[in-house]
Amino acid sequence: MKRLIFAVIMALFFFIILNFIYCNLDEATFGYNVVFKFTIPYIISLQSAPIPMGFVLLISFSAGMVAIALLEALPSFFKTLEIRAKNKRIGQLERELSVVRQISAREKQDIPENSANK
């Protein structure tokens, strides 16, 4: 979780720095407008607003940083779930063991009483 938070903070940091650089470059460098389109013939046709190329690069860079952090965090998340399940199982087995020990202690106390009665 700490890695994910760190990655989000770093992505925001880099976004701010790169946005500063992007805003201070001339219009011709990263000012080319990009329009994203999605079409399924005769069903749907979507089109985005024109977005400057530099901004698209900034967003993709920042999103990539967060995506990599999420991919690295997934194995540790599953390990945490596995450890919790094993700790739960250990707790169950410890409770069973304490019950068996109590039963065994009662039986040991009952045996001398039964042999003394004979």
PDB file of N, CA and C in Angstrom:
ATOM      1  N   MET A   1       0.821  -1.187   0.000  1.00  0.00           N
ATOM      2  CA  MET A   1       0.000   0.000   0.000  1.00  0.00           C
ATOM      3  C   MET A   1       0.871   1.258   0.000  1.00  0.00           C
ATOM      4  N   LYS A   2       1.990   1.185   0.726  1.00  0.00           N
ATOM      5  CA  LYS A   2       2.892   2.328   0.770  1.00  0.00           C
ATOM      6  C   LYS A   2       3.472   2.610  -0.609  1.00  0.00           C
ATOM      7  N   ARG A   3       3.767   1.556  -1.351  1.00  0.00           N
ATOM      8  CA  ARG A   3       4.309   1.734  -2.702  1.00  0.00           C
ATOM      9  C   ARG A   3       3.307   2.413  -3.612  1.00  0.00           C
ATOM     10  N   LEU A   4       2.055   2.034  -3.463  1.00  0.00           N
ATOM     11  CA  LEU A   4       1.015   2.629  -4.296  1.00  0.00           C
ATOM     12  C   LEU A   4       0.868   4.116  -3.979  1.00  0.00           C
ATOM     13  N   ILE A   5       0.841   4.450  -2.716  1.00  0.00           N
ATOM     14  CA  ILE A   5       0.741   5.855  -2.326  1.00  0.00           C
ATOM     15  C   ILE A   5       1.959   6.628  -2.826  1.00  0.00           C
ATOM     16  N   PHE A   6       3.137   6.020  -2.676  1.00  0.00           N
ATOM     17  CA  PHE A   6       4.361   6.659  -3.161  1.00  0.00           C
ATOM     18  C   PHE A   6       4.295   6.875  -4.667  1.00  0.00           C
ATOM     19  N   ALA A   7       3.801   5.879  -5.396  1.00  0.00           N
ATOM     20  CA  ALA A   7       3.715   6.000  -6.857  1.00  0.00           C
ATOM     21  C   ALA A   7       2.740   7.096  -7.263  1.00  0.00           C
ATOM     22  N   VAL A   8       1.618   7.201  -6.564  1.00  0.00           N
ATOM     23  CA  VAL A   8       0.650   8.246  -6.891  1.00  0.00           C
ATOM     24  C   VAL A   8       1.256   9.622  -6.617  1.00  0.00           C
ATOM     25  N   ILE A   9       1.946   9.752  -5.492  1.00  0.00           N
ATOM     26  CA  ILE A   9       2.593  11.032  -5.175  1.00  0.00           C
ATOM     27  C   ILE A   9       3.656  11.370  -6.218  1.00  0.00           C
ATOM     28  N   MET A  10       4.457  10.391  -6.591  1.00  0.00           N
ATOM     29  CA  MET A  10       5.500  10.625  -7.597  1.00  0.00           C
ATOM     30  C   MET A  10       4.884  10.963  -8.959  1.00  0.00           C
ATOM     31  N   ALA A  11       3.788  10.293  -9.300  1.00  0.00           N
ATOM     32  CA  ALA A  11       3.120  10.597 -10.574  1.00  0.00           C
ATOM     33  C   ALA A  11       2.611  12.033 -10.581  1.00  0.00           C
ATOM     34  N   LEU A  12       2.025  12.464  -9.468  1.00  0.00           N
ATOM     35  CA  LEU A  12       1.571  13.852  -9.380  1.00  0.00           C
ATOM     36  C   LEU A  12       2.746  14.824  -9.458  1.00  0.00           C
ATOM     37  N   PHE A  13       3.831  14.480  -8.786  1.00  0.00           N
ATOM     38  CA  PHE A  13       5.024  15.324  -8.808  1.00  0.00           C
ATOM     39  C   PHE A  13       5.558  15.463 -10.232  1.00  0.00           C
ATOM     40  N   PHE A  14       5.724  14.330 -10.912  1.00  0.00           N
ATOM     41  CA  PHE A  14       6.219  14.372 -12.286  1.00  0.00           C
ATOM     42  C   PHE A  14       5.227  15.059 -13.216  1.00  0.00           C
ATOM     43  N   PHE A  15       3.936  14.866 -12.961  1.00  0.00           N
ATOM     44  CA  PHE A  15       2.926  15.542 -13.773  1.00  0.00           C
ATOM     45  C   PHE A  15       3.082  17.057 -13.656  1.00  0.00           C
ATOM     46  N   ILE A  16       3.259  17.548 -12.448  1.00  0.00           N
ATOM     47  CA  ILE A  16       3.412  18.991 -12.241  1.00  0.00           C
ATOM     48  C   ILE A  16       4.671  19.507 -12.930  1.00  0.00           C
ATOM     49  N   ILE A  17       5.786  18.798 -12.752  1.00  0.00           N
ATOM     50  CA  ILE A  17       7.037  19.234 -13.381  1.00  0.00           C
ATOM     51  C   ILE A  17       6.933  19.192 -14.901  1.00  0.00           C
ATOM     52  N   LEU A  18       6.436  18.086 -15.436  1.00  0.00           N
ATOM     53  CA  LEU A  18       6.331  17.975 -16.897  1.00  0.00           C
ATOM     54  C   LEU A  18       5.302  18.943 -17.467  1.00  0.00           C
ATOM     55  N   ASN A  19       4.251  19.212 -16.711  1.00  0.00           N
ATOM     56  CA  ASN A  19       3.265  20.188 -17.165  1.00  0.00           C
ATOM     57  C   ASN A  19       3.884  21.586 -17.212  1.00  0.00           C
ATOM     58  N   PHE A  20       4.732  21.886 -16.253  1.00  0.00           N
ATOM     59  CA  PHE A  20       5.439  23.166 -16.273  1.00  0.00           C
ATOM     60  C   PHE A  20       6.314  23.277 -17.525  1.00  0.00           C
ATOM     61  N   ILE A  21       7.037  22.200 -17.803  1.00  0.00           N
ATOM     62  CA  ILE A  21       7.887  22.193 -19.005  1.00  0.00           C
ATOM     63  C   ILE A  21       7.029  22.308 -20.260  1.00  0.00           C
ATOM     64  N   TYR A  22       5.948  21.567 -20.297  1.00  0.00           N
ATOM     65  CA  TYR A  22       5.045  21.581 -21.454  1.00  0.00           C
ATOM     66  C   TYR A  22       4.462  22.974 -21.696  1.00  0.00           C
ATOM     67  N   CYS A  23       4.065  23.649 -20.617  1.00  0.00           N
ATOM     68  CA  CYS A  23       3.465  24.980 -20.756  1.00  0.00           C
ATOM     69  C   CYS A  23       4.482  26.027 -21.211  1.00  0.00           C
ATOM     70  N   ASN A  24       5.751  25.769 -20.954  1.00  0.00           N
ATOM     71  CA  ASN A  24       6.769  26.748 -21.320  1.00  0.00           C
ATOM     72  C   ASN A  24       7.422  26.472 -22.669  1.00  0.00           C
ATOM     73  N   LEU A  25       7.009  25.428 -23.344  1.00  0.00           N
ATOM     74  CA  LEU A  25       7.501  25.186 -24.702  1.00  0.00           C
ATOM     75  C   LEU A  25       6.595  25.911 -25.689  1.00  0.00           C
ATOM     76  N   ASP A  26       7.100  26.115 -26.884  1.00  0.00           N
ATOM     77  CA  ASP A  26       6.282  26.804 -27.879  1.00  0.00           C
ATOM     78  C   ASP A  26       5.149  25.906 -28.364  1.00  0.00           C
ATOM     79  N   GLU A  27       4.160  26.523 -28.952  1.00  0.00           N
ATOM     80  CA  GLU A  27       2.939  25.833 -29.386  1.00  0.00           C
ATOM     81  C   GLU A  27       3.200  24.765 -30.443  1.00  0.00           C
ATOM     82  N   ALA A  28       4.177  24.977 -31.308  1.00  0.00           N
ATOM     83  CA  ALA A  28       4.425  24.044 -32.407  1.00  0.00           C
ATOM     84  C   ALA A  28       5.031  22.729 -31.931  1.00  0.00           C
ATOM     85  N   THR A  29       5.696  22.733 -30.775  1.00  0.00           N
ATOM     86  CA  THR A  29       6.381  21.527 -30.318  1.00  0.00           C
ATOM     87  C   THR A  29       5.408  20.436 -29.887  1.00  0.00           C
ATOM     88  N   PHE A  30       4.540  20.762 -28.924  1.00  0.00           N
ATOM     89  CA  PHE A  30       3.591  19.758 -28.429  1.00  0.00           C
ATOM     90  C   PHE A  30       2.137  20.183 -28.632  1.00  0.00           C
ATOM     91  N   GLY A  31       1.905  21.160 -29.471  1.00  0.00           N
ATOM     92  CA  GLY A  31       0.566  21.697 -29.623  1.00  0.00           C
ATOM     93  C   GLY A  31      -0.311  20.977 -30.625  1.00  0.00           C
ATOM     94  N   TYR A  32       0.197  19.934 -31.269  1.00  0.00           N
ATOM     95  CA  TYR A  32      -0.605  19.201 -32.246  1.00  0.00           C
ATOM     96  C   TYR A  32      -1.818  18.587 -31.554  1.00  0.00           C
ATOM     97  N   ASN A  33      -3.007  18.887 -32.045  1.00  0.00           N
ATOM     98  CA  ASN A  33      -4.234  18.374 -31.432  1.00  0.00           C
ATOM     99  C   ASN A  33      -4.488  16.934 -31.850  1.00  0.00           C
ATOM    100  N   VAL A  34      -4.815  16.123 -30.868  1.00  0.00           N
ATOM    101  CA  VAL A  34      -5.101  14.706 -31.088  1.00  0.00           C
ATOM    102  C   VAL A  34      -6.576  14.483 -30.785  1.00  0.00           C
ATOM    103  N   VAL A  35      -7.254  13.752 -31.637  1.00  0.00           N
ATOM    104  CA  VAL A  35      -8.655  13.402 -31.425  1.00  0.00           C
ATOM    105  C   VAL A  35      -8.751  11.884 -31.389  1.00  0.00           C
ATOM    106  N   PHE A  36      -9.256  11.361 -30.282  1.00  0.00           N
ATOM    107  CA  PHE A  36      -9.434   9.913 -30.136  1.00  0.00           C
ATOM    108  C   PHE A  36     -10.818   9.539 -30.636  1.00  0.00           C
ATOM    109  N   LYS A  37     -10.875   8.472 -31.436  1.00  0.00           N
ATOM    110  CA  LYS A  37     -12.138   8.035 -32.020  1.00  0.00           C
ATOM    111  C   LYS A  37     -12.383   6.570 -31.700  1.00  0.00           C
ATOM    112  N   PHE A  38     -13.661   6.231 -31.515  1.00  0.00           N
ATOM    113  CA  PHE A  38     -14.084   4.847 -31.324  1.00  0.00           C
ATOM    114  C   PHE A  38     -15.366   4.657 -32.103  1.00  0.00           C
ATOM    115  N   THR A  39     -15.354   3.704 -33.035  1.00  0.00           N
ATOM    116  CA  THR A  39     -16.511   3.514 -33.899  1.00  0.00           C
ATOM    117  C   THR A  39     -16.839   2.039 -34.046  1.00  0.00           C
ATOM    118  N   ILE A  40     -18.117   1.741 -33.874  1.00  0.00           N
ATOM    119  CA  ILE A  40     -18.673   0.445 -34.254  1.00  0.00           C
ATOM    120  C   ILE A  40     -19.716   0.782 -35.314  1.00  0.00           C
ATOM    121  N   PRO A  41     -19.463   0.377 -36.564  1.00  0.00           N
ATOM    122  CA  PRO A  41     -20.345   0.809 -37.666  1.00  0.00           C
ATOM    123  C   PRO A  41     -21.825   0.531 -37.392  1.00  0.00           C
ATOM    124  N   TYR A  42     -22.632   1.514 -37.661  1.00  0.00           N
ATOM    125  CA  TYR A  42     -24.093   1.475 -37.542  1.00  0.00           C
ATOM    126  C   TYR A  42     -24.591   1.356 -36.105  1.00  0.00           C
ATOM    127  N   ILE A  43     -23.681   1.357 -35.117  1.00  0.00           N
ATOM    128  CA  ILE A  43     -24.122   1.234 -33.726  1.00  0.00           C
ATOM    129  C   ILE A  43     -23.710   2.459 -32.909  1.00  0.00           C
ATOM    130  N   ILE A  44     -22.418   2.744 -32.877  1.00  0.00           N
ATOM    131  CA  ILE A  44     -21.939   3.845 -32.042  1.00  0.00           C
ATOM    132  C   ILE A  44     -20.718   4.480 -32.690  1.00  0.00           C
ATOM    133  N   SER A  45     -20.611   5.772 -32.496  1.00  0.00           N
ATOM    134  CA  SER A  45     -19.447   6.504 -32.974  1.00  0.00           C
ATOM    135  C   SER A  45     -19.108   7.567 -31.935  1.00  0.00           C
ATOM    136  N   LEU A  46     -17.965   7.408 -31.281  1.00  0.00           N
ATOM    137  CA  LEU A  46     -17.534   8.340 -30.248  1.00  0.00           C
ATOM    138  C   LEU A  46     -16.287   9.069 -30.702  1.00  0.00           C
ATOM    139  N   GLN A  47     -16.174  10.327 -30.257  1.00  0.00           N
ATOM    140  CA  GLN A  47     -15.020  11.126 -30.618  1.00  0.00           C
ATOM    141  C   GLN A  47     -14.729  12.065 -29.449  1.00  0.00           C
ATOM    142  N   SER A  48     -13.443  12.146 -29.060  1.00  0.00           N
ATOM    143  CA  SER A  48     -13.065  13.021 -27.954  1.00  0.00           C
ATOM    144  C   SER A  48     -12.865  14.447 -28.447  1.00  0.00           C
ATOM    145  N   ALA A  49     -12.776  15.349 -27.490  1.00  0.00           N
ATOM    146  CA  ALA A  49     -12.436  16.731 -27.815  1.00  0.00           C
ATOM    147  C   ALA A  49     -10.964  16.778 -28.218  1.00  0.00           C
ATOM    148  N   PRO A  50     -10.569  17.736 -29.016  1.00  0.00           N
ATOM    149  CA  PRO A  50      -9.153  17.840 -29.384  1.00  0.00           C
ATOM    150  C   PRO A  50      -8.282  18.091 -28.146  1.00  0.00           C
ATOM    151  N   ILE A  51      -7.260  17.254 -27.981  1.00  0.00           N
ATOM    152  CA  ILE A  51      -6.350  17.339 -26.834  1.00  0.00           C
ATOM    153  C   ILE A  51      -4.948  17.535 -27.386  1.00  0.00           C
ATOM    154  N   PRO A  52      -4.190  18.476 -26.822  1.00  0.00           N
ATOM    155  CA  PRO A  52      -2.821  18.675 -27.296  1.00  0.00           C
ATOM    156  C   PRO A  52      -1.952  17.436 -27.059  1.00  0.00           C
ATOM    157  N   MET A  53      -1.072  17.157 -28.002  1.00  0.00           N
ATOM    158  CA  MET A  53      -0.207  15.973 -27.943  1.00  0.00           C
ATOM    159  C   MET A  53       0.633  15.943 -26.665  1.00  0.00           C
ATOM    160  N   GLY A  54       1.148  17.064 -26.241  1.00  0.00           N
ATOM    161  CA  GLY A  54       1.967  17.110 -25.030  1.00  0.00           C
ATOM    162  C   GLY A  54       1.192  16.690 -23.800  1.00  0.00           C
ATOM    163  N   PHE A  55      -0.070  17.105 -23.724  1.00  0.00           N
ATOM    164  CA  PHE A  55      -0.893  16.717 -22.584  1.00  0.00           C
ATOM    165  C   PHE A  55      -1.181  15.222 -22.607  1.00  0.00           C
ATOM    166  N   VAL A  56      -1.386  14.667 -23.777  1.00  0.00           N
ATOM    167  CA  VAL A  56      -1.595  13.225 -23.908  1.00  0.00           C
ATOM    168  C   VAL A  56      -0.357  12.477 -23.418  1.00  0.00           C
ATOM    169  N   LEU A  57       0.826  12.959 -23.770  1.00  0.00           N
ATOM    170  CA  LEU A  57       2.064  12.330 -23.307  1.00  0.00           C
ATOM    171  C   LEU A  57       2.209  12.424 -21.793  1.00  0.00           C
ATOM    172  N   LEU A  58       1.854  13.565 -21.214  1.00  0.00           N
ATOM    173  CA  LEU A  58       1.909  13.730 -19.758  1.00  0.00           C
ATOM    174  C   LEU A  58       0.987  12.746 -19.050  1.00  0.00           C
ATOM    175  N   ILE A  59      -0.233  12.665 -19.528  1.00  0.00           N
ATOM    176  CA  ILE A  59      -1.216  11.769 -18.912  1.00  0.00           C
ATOM    177  C   ILE A  59      -0.777  10.313 -19.040  1.00  0.00           C
ATOM    178  N   SER A  60      -0.290   9.925 -20.200  1.00  0.00           N
ATOM    179  CA  SER A  60       0.120   8.528 -20.386  1.00  0.00           C
ATOM    180  C   SER A  60       1.331   8.191 -19.513  1.00  0.00           C
ATOM    181  N   PHE A  61       2.258   9.115 -19.360  1.00  0.00           N
ATOM    182  CA  PHE A  61       3.421   8.888 -18.501  1.00  0.00           C
ATOM    183  C   PHE A  61       2.989   8.705 -17.051  1.00  0.00           C
ATOM    184  N   SER A  62       2.128   9.593 -16.561  1.00  0.00           N
ATOM    185  CA  SER A  62       1.660   9.517 -15.174  1.00  0.00           C
ATOM    186  C   SER A  62       0.819   8.261 -14.943  1.00  0.00           C
ATOM    187  N   ALA A  63      -0.036   7.929 -15.884  1.00  0.00           N
ATOM    188  CA  ALA A  63      -0.857   6.721 -15.757  1.00  0.00           C
ATOM    189  C   ALA A  63       0.021   5.465 -15.767  1.00  0.00           C
ATOM    190  N   GLY A  64       1.078   5.475 -16.557  1.00  0.00           N
ATOM    191  CA  GLY A  64       2.003   4.340 -16.588  1.00  0.00           C
ATOM    192  C   GLY A  64       2.703   4.140 -15.265  1.00  0.00           C
ATOM    193  N   MET A  65       3.088   5.234 -14.620  1.00  0.00           N
ATOM    194  CA  MET A  65       3.727   5.112 -13.308  1.00  0.00           C
ATOM    195  C   MET A  65       2.783   4.465 -12.288  1.00  0.00           C
ATOM    196  N   VAL A  66       1.545   4.890 -12.292  1.00  0.00           N
ATOM    197  CA  VAL A  66       0.564   4.329 -11.352  1.00  0.00           C
ATOM    198  C   VAL A  66       0.264   2.877 -11.703  1.00  0.00           C
ATOM    199  N   ALA A  67       0.159   2.555 -12.988  1.00  0.00           N
ATOM    200  CA  ALA A  67      -0.125   1.175 -13.403  1.00  0.00           C
ATOM    201  C   ALA A  67       1.000   0.234 -12.996  1.00  0.00           C
ATOM    202  N   ILE A  68       2.239   0.661 -13.135  1.00  0.00           N
ATOM    203  CA  ILE A  68       3.373  -0.177 -12.728  1.00  0.00           C
ATOM    204  C   ILE A  68       3.342  -0.408 -11.228  1.00  0.00           C
ATOM    205  N   ALA A  69       3.020   0.614 -10.460  1.00  0.00           N
ATOM    206  CA  ALA A  69       2.927   0.452  -9.000  1.00  0.00           C
ATOM    207  C   ALA A  69       1.821  -0.525  -8.627  1.00  0.00           C
ATOM    208  N   LEU A  70       0.690  -0.448  -9.327  1.00  0.00           N
ATOM    209  CA  LEU A  70      -0.401  -1.398  -9.059  1.00  0.00           C
ATOM    210  C   LEU A  70       0.013  -2.829  -9.395  1.00  0.00           C
ATOM    211  N   LEU A  71       0.706  -3.002 -10.508  1.00  0.00           N
ATOM    212  CA  LEU A  71       1.157  -4.343 -10.889  1.00  0.00           C
ATOM    213  C   LEU A  71       2.166  -4.896  -9.888  1.00  0.00           C
ATOM    214  N   GLU A  72       3.005  -4.036  -9.330  1.00  0.00           N
ATOM    215  CA  GLU A  72       3.958  -4.496  -8.319  1.00  0.00           C
ATOM    216  C   GLU A  72       3.278  -4.768  -6.992  1.00  0.00           C
ATOM    217  N   ALA A  73       2.166  -4.089  -6.717  1.00  0.00           N
ATOM    218  CA  ALA A  73       1.477  -4.256  -5.439  1.00  0.00           C
ATOM    219  C   ALA A  73       0.597  -5.506  -5.406  1.00  0.00           C
ATOM    220  N   LEU A  74       0.188  -6.014  -6.553  1.00  0.00           N
ATOM    221  CA  LEU A  74      -0.704  -7.179  -6.580  1.00  0.00           C
ATOM    222  C   LEU A  74      -0.121  -8.416  -5.889  1.00  0.00           C
ATOM    223  N   PRO A  75       1.132  -8.804  -6.144  1.00  0.00           N
ATOM    224  CA  PRO A  75       1.655  -9.989  -5.449  1.00  0.00           C
ATOM    225  C   PRO A  75       1.690  -9.823  -3.931  1.00  0.00           C
ATOM    226  N   SER A  76       2.035  -8.647  -3.451  1.00  0.00           N
ATOM    227  CA  SER A  76       2.066  -8.449  -2.001  1.00  0.00           C
ATOM    228  C   SER A  76       0.659  -8.485  -1.421  1.00  0.00           C
ATOM    229  N   PHE A  77      -0.332  -8.016  -2.182  1.00  0.00           N
ATOM    230  CA  PHE A  77      -1.724  -8.089  -1.727  1.00  0.00           C
ATOM    231  C   PHE A  77      -2.164  -9.541  -1.571  1.00  0.00           C
ATOM    232  N   PHE A  78      -1.829 -10.377  -2.554  1.00  0.00           N
ATOM    233  CA  PHE A  78      -2.215 -11.784  -2.469  1.00  0.00           C
ATOM    234  C   PHE A  78      -1.448 -12.504  -1.361  1.00  0.00           C
ATOM    235  N   LYS A  79      -0.191 -12.130  -1.130  1.00  0.00           N
ATOM    236  CA  LYS A  79       0.562 -12.722  -0.029  1.00  0.00           C
ATOM    237  C   LYS A  79      -0.062 -12.346   1.309  1.00  0.00           C
ATOM    238  N   THR A  80      -0.547 -11.111   1.430  1.00  0.00           N
ATOM    239  CA  THR A  80      -1.205 -10.685   2.655  1.00  0.00           C
ATOM    240  C   THR A  80      -2.465 -11.502   2.890  1.00  0.00           C
ATOM    241  N   LEU A  81      -3.238 -11.728   1.844  1.00  0.00           N
ATOM    242  CA  LEU A  81      -4.443 -12.555   1.975  1.00  0.00           C
ATOM    243  C   LEU A  81      -4.090 -13.978   2.390  1.00  0.00           C
ATOM    244  N   GLU A  82      -3.027 -14.517   1.824  1.00  0.00           N
ATOM    245  CA  GLU A  82      -2.588 -15.865   2.150  1.00  0.00           C
ATOM    246  C   GLU A  82      -2.141 -15.946   3.608  1.00  0.00           C
ATOM    247  N   ILE A  83      -1.406 -14.964   4.059  1.00  0.00           N
ATOM    248  CA  ILE A  83      -0.934 -14.950   5.448  1.00  0.00           C
ATOM    249  C   ILE A  83      -2.109 -14.847   6.412  1.00  0.00           C
ATOM    250  N   ARG A  84      -3.091 -14.018   6.085  1.00  0.00           N
ATOM    251  CA  ARG A  84      -4.274 -13.906   6.946  1.00  0.00           C
ATOM    252  C   ARG A  84      -5.013 -15.235   7.031  1.00  0.00           C
ATOM    253  N   ALA A  85      -5.146 -15.921   5.904  1.00  0.00           N
ATOM    254  CA  ALA A  85      -5.829 -17.217   5.901  1.00  0.00           C
ATOM    255  C   ALA A  85      -5.058 -18.231   6.741  1.00  0.00           C
ATOM    256  N   LYS A  86      -3.733 -18.233   6.624  1.00  0.00           N
ATOM    257  CA  LYS A  86      -2.923 -19.170   7.409  1.00  0.00           C
ATOM    258  C   LYS A  86      -2.973 -18.825   8.889  1.00  0.00           C
ATOM    259  N   ASN A  87      -2.965 -17.550   9.241  1.00  0.00           N
ATOM    260  CA  ASN A  87      -3.079 -17.164  10.647  1.00  0.00           C
ATOM    261  C   ASN A  87      -4.426 -17.566  11.223  1.00  0.00           C
ATOM    262  N   LYS A  88      -5.464 -17.463  10.417  1.00  0.00           N
ATOM    263  CA  LYS A  88      -6.793 -17.896  10.851  1.00  0.00           C
ATOM    264  C   LYS A  88      -6.798 -19.401  11.113  1.00  0.00           C
ATOM    265  N   ARG A  89      -6.190 -20.149  10.214  1.00  0.00           N
ATOM    266  CA  ARG A  89      -6.107 -21.602  10.373  1.00  0.00           C
ATOM    267  C   ARG A  89      -5.279 -21.971  11.606  1.00  0.00           C
ATOM    268  N   ILE A  90      -4.186 -21.243  11.835  1.00  0.00           N
ATOM    269  CA  ILE A  90      -3.356 -21.489  13.027  1.00  0.00           C
ATOM    270  C   ILE A  90      -4.166 -21.232  14.283  1.00  0.00           C
ATOM    271  N   GLY A  91      -4.964 -20.170  14.286  1.00  0.00           N
ATOM    272  CA  GLY A  91      -5.823 -19.873  15.438  1.00  0.00           C
ATOM    273  C   GLY A  91      -6.817 -20.995  15.701  1.00  0.00           C
ATOM    274  N   GLN A  92      -7.423 -21.528  14.627  1.00  0.00           N
ATOM    275  CA  GLN A  92      -8.362 -22.644  14.777  1.00  0.00           C
ATOM    276  C   GLN A  92      -7.663 -23.866  15.358  1.00  0.00           C
ATOM    277  N   LEU A  93      -6.489 -24.183  14.832  1.00  0.00           N
ATOM    278  CA  LEU A  93      -5.760 -25.350  15.316  1.00  0.00           C
ATOM    279  C   LEU A  93      -5.318 -25.171  16.767  1.00  0.00           C
ATOM    280  N   GLU A  94      -4.934 -23.963  17.158  1.00  0.00           N
ATOM    281  CA  GLU A  94      -4.561 -23.712  18.550  1.00  0.00           C
ATOM    282  C   GLU A  94      -5.755 -23.876  19.475  1.00  0.00           C
ATOM    283  N   ARG A  95      -6.929 -23.416  19.052  1.00  0.00           N
ATOM    284  CA  ARG A  95      -8.138 -23.612  19.870  1.00  0.00           C
ATOM    285  C   ARG A  95      -8.458 -25.093  20.005  1.00  0.00           C
ATOM    286  N   GLU A  96      -8.359 -25.833  18.898  1.00  0.00           N
ATOM    287  CA  GLU A  96      -8.599 -27.279  18.952  1.00  0.00           C
ATOM    288  C   GLU A  96      -7.606 -27.965  19.884  1.00  0.00           C
ATOM    289  N   LEU A  97      -6.352 -27.557  19.808  1.00  0.00           N
ATOM    290  CA  LEU A  97      -5.319 -28.138  20.655  1.00  0.00           C
ATOM    291  C   LEU A  97      -5.589 -27.845  22.122  1.00  0.00           C
ATOM    292  N   SER A  98      -6.026 -26.645  22.445  1.00  0.00           N
ATOM    293  CA  SER A  98      -6.313 -26.330  23.847  1.00  0.00           C
ATOM    294  C   SER A  98      -7.501 -27.149  24.350  1.00  0.00           C
ATOM    295  N   VAL A  99      -8.501 -27.365  23.493  1.00  0.00           N
ATOM    296  CA  VAL A  99      -9.646 -28.197  23.881  1.00  0.00           C
ATOM    297  C   VAL A  99      -9.192 -29.632  24.125  1.00  0.00           C
ATOM    298  N   VAL A 100      -8.359 -30.162  23.242  1.00  0.00           N
ATOM    299  CA  VAL A 100      -7.856 -31.529  23.402  1.00  0.00           C
ATOM    300  C   VAL A 100      -7.015 -31.637  24.677  1.00  0.00           C
ATOM    301  N   ARG A 101      -6.211 -30.643  24.980  1.00  0.00           N
ATOM    302  CA  ARG A 101      -5.412 -30.659  26.213  1.00  0.00           C
ATOM    303  C   ARG A 101      -6.306 -30.627  27.446  1.00  0.00           C
ATOM    304  N   GLN A 102      -7.373 -29.839  27.401  1.00  0.00           N
ATOM    305  CA  GLN A 102      -8.301 -29.792  28.537  1.00  0.00           C
ATOM    306  C   GLN A 102      -8.979 -31.144  28.732  1.00  0.00           C
ATOM    307  N   ILE A 103      -9.409 -31.754  27.633  1.00  0.00           N
ATOM    308  CA  ILE A 103     -10.042 -33.077  27.717  1.00  0.00           C
ATOM    309  C   ILE A 103      -9.045 -34.094  28.256  1.00  0.00           C
ATOM    310  N   SER A 104      -7.815 -34.037  27.778  1.00  0.00           N
ATOM    311  CA  SER A 104      -6.783 -34.957  28.233  1.00  0.00           C
ATOM    312  C   SER A 104      -6.496 -34.761  29.714  1.00  0.00           C
ATOM    313  N   ALA A 105      -6.448 -33.515  30.168  1.00  0.00           N
ATOM    314  CA  ALA A 105      -6.207 -33.239  31.591  1.00  0.00           C
ATOM    315  C   ALA A 105      -7.360 -33.765  32.438  1.00  0.00           C
ATOM    316  N   ARG A 106      -8.592 -33.642  31.991  1.00  0.00           N
ATOM    317  CA  ARG A 106      -9.755 -34.161  32.724  1.00  0.00           C
ATOM    318  C   ARG A 106      -9.704 -35.690  32.807  1.00  0.00           C
ATOM    319  N   GLU A 107      -9.321 -36.311  31.695  1.00  0.00           N
ATOM    320  CA  GLU A 107      -9.238 -37.773  31.680  1.00  0.00           C
ATOM    321  C   GLU A 107      -8.159 -38.258  32.641  1.00  0.00           C
ATOM    322  N   LYS A 108      -7.050 -37.548  32.706  1.00  0.00           N
ATOM    323  CA  LYS A 108      -5.978 -37.933  33.631  1.00  0.00           C
ATOM    324  C   LYS A 108      -6.435 -37.795  35.079  1.00  0.00           C
ATOM    325  N   GLN A 109      -7.252 -36.778  35.364  1.00  0.00           N
ATOM    326  CA  GLN A 109      -7.773 -36.618  36.714  1.00  0.00           C
ATOM    327  C   GLN A 109      -8.811 -37.689  37.035  1.00  0.00           C
ATOM    328  N   ASP A 110      -9.593 -38.083  36.052  1.00  0.00           N
ATOM    329  CA  ASP A 110     -10.631 -39.100  36.258  1.00  0.00           C
ATOM    330  C   ASP A 110     -10.022 -40.488  36.454  1.00  0.00           C
ATOM    331  N   ILE A 111      -8.925 -40.801  35.830  1.00  0.00           N
ATOM    332  CA  ILE A 111      -8.321 -42.131  35.924  1.00  0.00           C
ATOM    333  C   ILE A 111      -7.883 -42.452  37.347  1.00  0.00           C
ATOM    334  N   PRO A 112      -7.166 -41.594  38.054  1.00  0.00           N
ATOM    335  CA  PRO A 112      -6.804 -41.937  39.444  1.00  0.00           C
ATOM    336  C   PRO A 112      -8.024 -42.077  40.336  1.00  0.00           C
ATOM    337  N   GLU A 113      -9.066 -41.284  40.134  1.00  0.00           N
ATOM    338  CA  GLU A 113     -10.272 -41.407  40.956  1.00  0.00           C
ATOM    339  C   GLU A 113     -10.952 -42.741  40.703  1.00  0.00           C
ATOM    340  N   ASN A 114     -10.987 -43.185  39.473  1.00  0.00           N
ATOM    341  CA  ASN A 114     -11.622 -44.446  39.125  1.00  0.00           C
ATOM    342  C   ASN A 114     -10.824 -45.615  39.667  1.00  0.00           C
ATOM    343  N   SER A 115      -9.492 -45.549  39.626  1.00  0.00           N
ATOM    344  CA  SER A 115      -8.690 -46.642  40.156  1.00  0.00           C
ATOM    345  C   SER A 115      -8.727 -46.675  41.671  1.00  0.00           C
ATOM    346  N   ALA A 116      -8.931 -45.558  42.320  1.00  0.00           N
ATOM    347  CA  ALA A 116      -9.028 -45.527  43.782  1.00  0.00           C
ATOM    348  C   ALA A 116     -10.360 -46.082  44.232  1.00  0.00           C
ATOM    349  N   ASN A 117     -11.406 -45.979  43.448  1.00  0.00           N
ATOM    350  CA  ASN A 117     -12.726 -46.498  43.785  1.00  0.00           C
ATOM    351  C   ASN A 117     -12.785 -48.021  43.659  1.00  0.00           C
ATOM    352  N   LYS A 118     -11.890 -48.617  42.909  1.00  0.00           N
ATOM    353  CA  LYS A 118     -11.939 -50.051  42.705  1.00  0.00           C
ATOM    354  C   LYS A 118     -11.403 -50.741  43.851  1.00  0.00           C
TER     355      LYS A 118
END
